[in-house]
Amino acid sequence: MRREPDAAVEPDDPAIDRAVRERQLVAGYRAAARRALELARRYRAEEGAAGGDRERACITQARIWRSAVRDLRAGIAVAPRPGLARALPEREDRSRETG
């Protein structure tokens, strides 16, 4: 069954664009946190003991990303901070410009 487009929702609605962007950020931060924790486990296995420098660095970074996810889910704007890449709106590709 095919659904008709909702006439009340405009395709260029900024609220929809913002919600999509936030959802993409959440997914990206979660994936990054999972990878950091996987690396922490590998480092622990390599070093044979818990609490190594590399393991702690990965866990610290995963906490930063998880904190950003909680902020986004709570509707709080994620401010740039150490360990968190600044999320900017996509811009046009300017790599072909000469200058």
C-alpha atoms as a PDB file:
ATOM      1  CA  MET A   1       0.000   0.000   0.000  1.00  0.00           C
ATOM      2  CA  ARG A   2       1.467   3.283  -1.065  1.00  0.00           C
ATOM      3  CA  ARG A   3       1.157   6.307   1.145  1.00  0.00           C
ATOM      4  CA  GLU A   4       0.263   9.683  -0.263  1.00  0.00           C
ATOM      5  CA  PRO A   5       2.587  12.538   0.662  1.00  0.00           C
ATOM      6  CA  ASP A   6       1.334  14.638   3.536  1.00  0.00           C
ATOM      7  CA  ALA A   7       0.293  18.044   2.236  1.00  0.00           C
ATOM      8  CA  ALA A   8       0.955  19.635   5.647  1.00  0.00           C
ATOM      9  CA  VAL A   9       4.675  18.829   5.529  1.00  0.00           C
ATOM     10  CA  GLU A  10       6.747  20.900   3.163  1.00  0.00           C
ATOM     11  CA  PRO A  11       9.811  19.176   1.699  1.00  0.00           C
ATOM     12  CA  ASP A  12      12.118  22.039   2.704  1.00  0.00           C
ATOM     13  CA  ASP A  13      10.908  22.320   6.278  1.00  0.00           C
ATOM     14  CA  PRO A  14      13.855  23.428   8.489  1.00  0.00           C
ATOM     15  CA  ALA A  15      12.522  21.436  11.461  1.00  0.00           C
ATOM     16  CA  ILE A  16      12.679  18.245   9.424  1.00  0.00           C
ATOM     17  CA  ASP A  17      16.161  19.076   8.175  1.00  0.00           C
ATOM     18  CA  ARG A  18      17.329  19.725  11.743  1.00  0.00           C
ATOM     19  CA  ALA A  19      15.771  16.466  12.997  1.00  0.00           C
ATOM     20  CA  VAL A  20      17.437  14.495  10.213  1.00  0.00           C
ATOM     21  CA  ARG A  21      20.794  16.117  10.946  1.00  0.00           C
ATOM     22  CA  GLU A  22      20.489  15.366  14.670  1.00  0.00           C
ATOM     23  CA  ARG A  23      19.567  11.754  13.934  1.00  0.00           C
ATOM     24  CA  GLN A  24      22.622  11.406  11.689  1.00  0.00           C
ATOM     25  CA  LEU A  25      24.858  12.945  14.363  1.00  0.00           C
ATOM     26  CA  VAL A  26      23.494  10.569  17.009  1.00  0.00           C
ATOM     27  CA  ALA A  27      24.111   7.566  14.775  1.00  0.00           C
ATOM     28  CA  GLY A  28      27.641   8.744  13.980  1.00  0.00           C
ATOM     29  CA  TYR A  29      28.553   9.463  17.600  1.00  0.00           C
ATOM     30  CA  ARG A  30      27.179   6.086  18.715  1.00  0.00           C
ATOM     31  CA  ALA A  31      29.153   4.251  16.045  1.00  0.00           C
ATOM     32  CA  ALA A  32      32.316   6.142  16.996  1.00  0.00           C
ATOM     33  CA  ALA A  33      31.813   5.319  20.684  1.00  0.00           C
ATOM     34  CA  ARG A  34      31.354   1.622  19.873  1.00  0.00           C
ATOM     35  CA  ARG A  35      34.556   1.586  17.821  1.00  0.00           C
ATOM     36  CA  ALA A  36      36.464   3.328  20.619  1.00  0.00           C
ATOM     37  CA  LEU A  37      35.286   0.743  23.149  1.00  0.00           C
ATOM     38  CA  GLU A  38      36.224  -2.084  20.787  1.00  0.00           C
ATOM     39  CA  LEU A  39      39.709  -0.596  20.509  1.00  0.00           C
ATOM     40  CA  ALA A  40      39.908  -0.285  24.298  1.00  0.00           C
ATOM     41  CA  ARG A  41      39.140  -4.012  24.619  1.00  0.00           C
ATOM     42  CA  ARG A  42      41.817  -4.857  22.054  1.00  0.00           C
ATOM     43  CA  TYR A  43      44.371  -2.685  23.830  1.00  0.00           C
ATOM     44  CA  ARG A  44      43.559  -4.363  27.140  1.00  0.00           C
ATOM     45  CA  ALA A  45      44.034  -7.773  25.536  1.00  0.00           C
ATOM     46  CA  GLU A  46      47.339  -6.709  23.956  1.00  0.00           C
ATOM     47  CA  GLU A  47      48.734  -5.228  27.147  1.00  0.00           C
ATOM     48  CA  GLY A  48      47.455  -8.055  29.330  1.00  0.00           C
ATOM     49  CA  ALA A  49      46.250  -5.721  32.081  1.00  0.00           C
ATOM     50  CA  ALA A  50      43.511  -3.180  32.592  1.00  0.00           C
ATOM     51  CA  GLY A  51      44.150   0.543  32.771  1.00  0.00           C
ATOM     52  CA  GLY A  52      46.767   1.107  30.087  1.00  0.00           C
ATOM     53  CA  ASP A  53      47.219   4.544  28.551  1.00  0.00           C
ATOM     54  CA  ARG A  54      45.694   3.634  25.187  1.00  0.00           C
ATOM     55  CA  GLU A  55      42.737   1.887  26.798  1.00  0.00           C
ATOM     56  CA  ARG A  56      41.988   4.868  29.062  1.00  0.00           C
ATOM     57  CA  ALA A  57      42.236   7.287  26.121  1.00  0.00           C
ATOM     58  CA  CYS A  58      39.700   5.264  24.128  1.00  0.00           C
ATOM     59  CA  ILE A  59      37.287   5.069  27.057  1.00  0.00           C
ATOM     60  CA  THR A  60      37.590   8.807  27.686  1.00  0.00           C
ATOM     61  CA  GLN A  61      36.796   9.529  24.042  1.00  0.00           C
ATOM     62  CA  ALA A  62      33.820   7.142  24.072  1.00  0.00           C
ATOM     63  CA  ARG A  63      32.439   9.000  27.113  1.00  0.00           C
ATOM     64  CA  ILE A  64      32.651  12.311  25.243  1.00  0.00           C
ATOM     65  CA  TRP A  65      30.721  10.902  22.295  1.00  0.00           C
ATOM     66  CA  ARG A  66      28.108   9.304  24.548  1.00  0.00           C
ATOM     67  CA  SER A  67      27.678  12.598  26.356  1.00  0.00           C
ATOM     68  CA  ALA A  68      27.013  14.306  23.023  1.00  0.00           C
ATOM     69  CA  VAL A  69      24.374  11.678  22.208  1.00  0.00           C
ATOM     70  CA  ARG A  70      22.637  12.301  25.546  1.00  0.00           C
ATOM     71  CA  ASP A  71      22.698  16.047  24.919  1.00  0.00           C
ATOM     72  CA  LEU A  72      21.218  15.672  21.447  1.00  0.00           C
ATOM     73  CA  ARG A  73      18.495  13.327  22.680  1.00  0.00           C
ATOM     74  CA  ALA A  74      17.614  15.795  25.445  1.00  0.00           C
ATOM     75  CA  GLY A  75      17.316  18.611  22.924  1.00  0.00           C
ATOM     76  CA  ILE A  76      20.411  20.401  24.165  1.00  0.00           C
ATOM     77  CA  ALA A  77      22.646  21.980  21.553  1.00  0.00           C
ATOM     78  CA  VAL A  78      25.982  20.202  21.382  1.00  0.00           C
ATOM     79  CA  ALA A  79      28.667  22.810  21.884  1.00  0.00           C
ATOM     80  CA  PRO A  80      32.119  22.207  20.444  1.00  0.00           C
ATOM     81  CA  ARG A  81      34.413  20.836  23.121  1.00  0.00           C
ATOM     82  CA  PRO A  82      37.699  18.961  23.252  1.00  0.00           C
ATOM     83  CA  GLY A  83      37.368  15.517  21.753  1.00  0.00           C
ATOM     84  CA  LEU A  84      34.204  16.322  19.847  1.00  0.00           C
ATOM     85  CA  ALA A  85      34.425  17.368  16.242  1.00  0.00           C
ATOM     86  CA  ARG A  86      32.479  20.494  15.519  1.00  0.00           C
ATOM     87  CA  ALA A  87      29.418  19.607  13.482  1.00  0.00           C
ATOM     88  CA  LEU A  88      28.874  22.154  10.783  1.00  0.00           C
ATOM     89  CA  PRO A  89      26.134  22.203   8.192  1.00  0.00           C
ATOM     90  CA  GLU A  90      27.149  20.733   4.884  1.00  0.00           C
ATOM     91  CA  ARG A  91      28.497  23.271   2.452  1.00  0.00           C
ATOM     92  CA  GLU A  92      29.003  23.200  -1.253  1.00  0.00           C
ATOM     93  CA  ASP A  93      32.114  21.571  -2.598  1.00  0.00           C
ATOM     94  CA  ARG A  94      34.737  24.263  -3.171  1.00  0.00           C
ATOM     95  CA  SER A  95      37.635  21.968  -3.987  1.00  0.00           C
ATOM     96  CA  ARG A  96      37.477  22.871  -7.679  1.00  0.00           C
ATOM     97  CA  GLU A  97      37.804  26.590  -7.120  1.00  0.00           C
ATOM     98  CA  THR A  98      41.043  28.208  -8.092  1.00  0.00           C
ATOM     99  CA  GLY A  99      42.319  31.062  -6.330  1.00  0.00           C
END
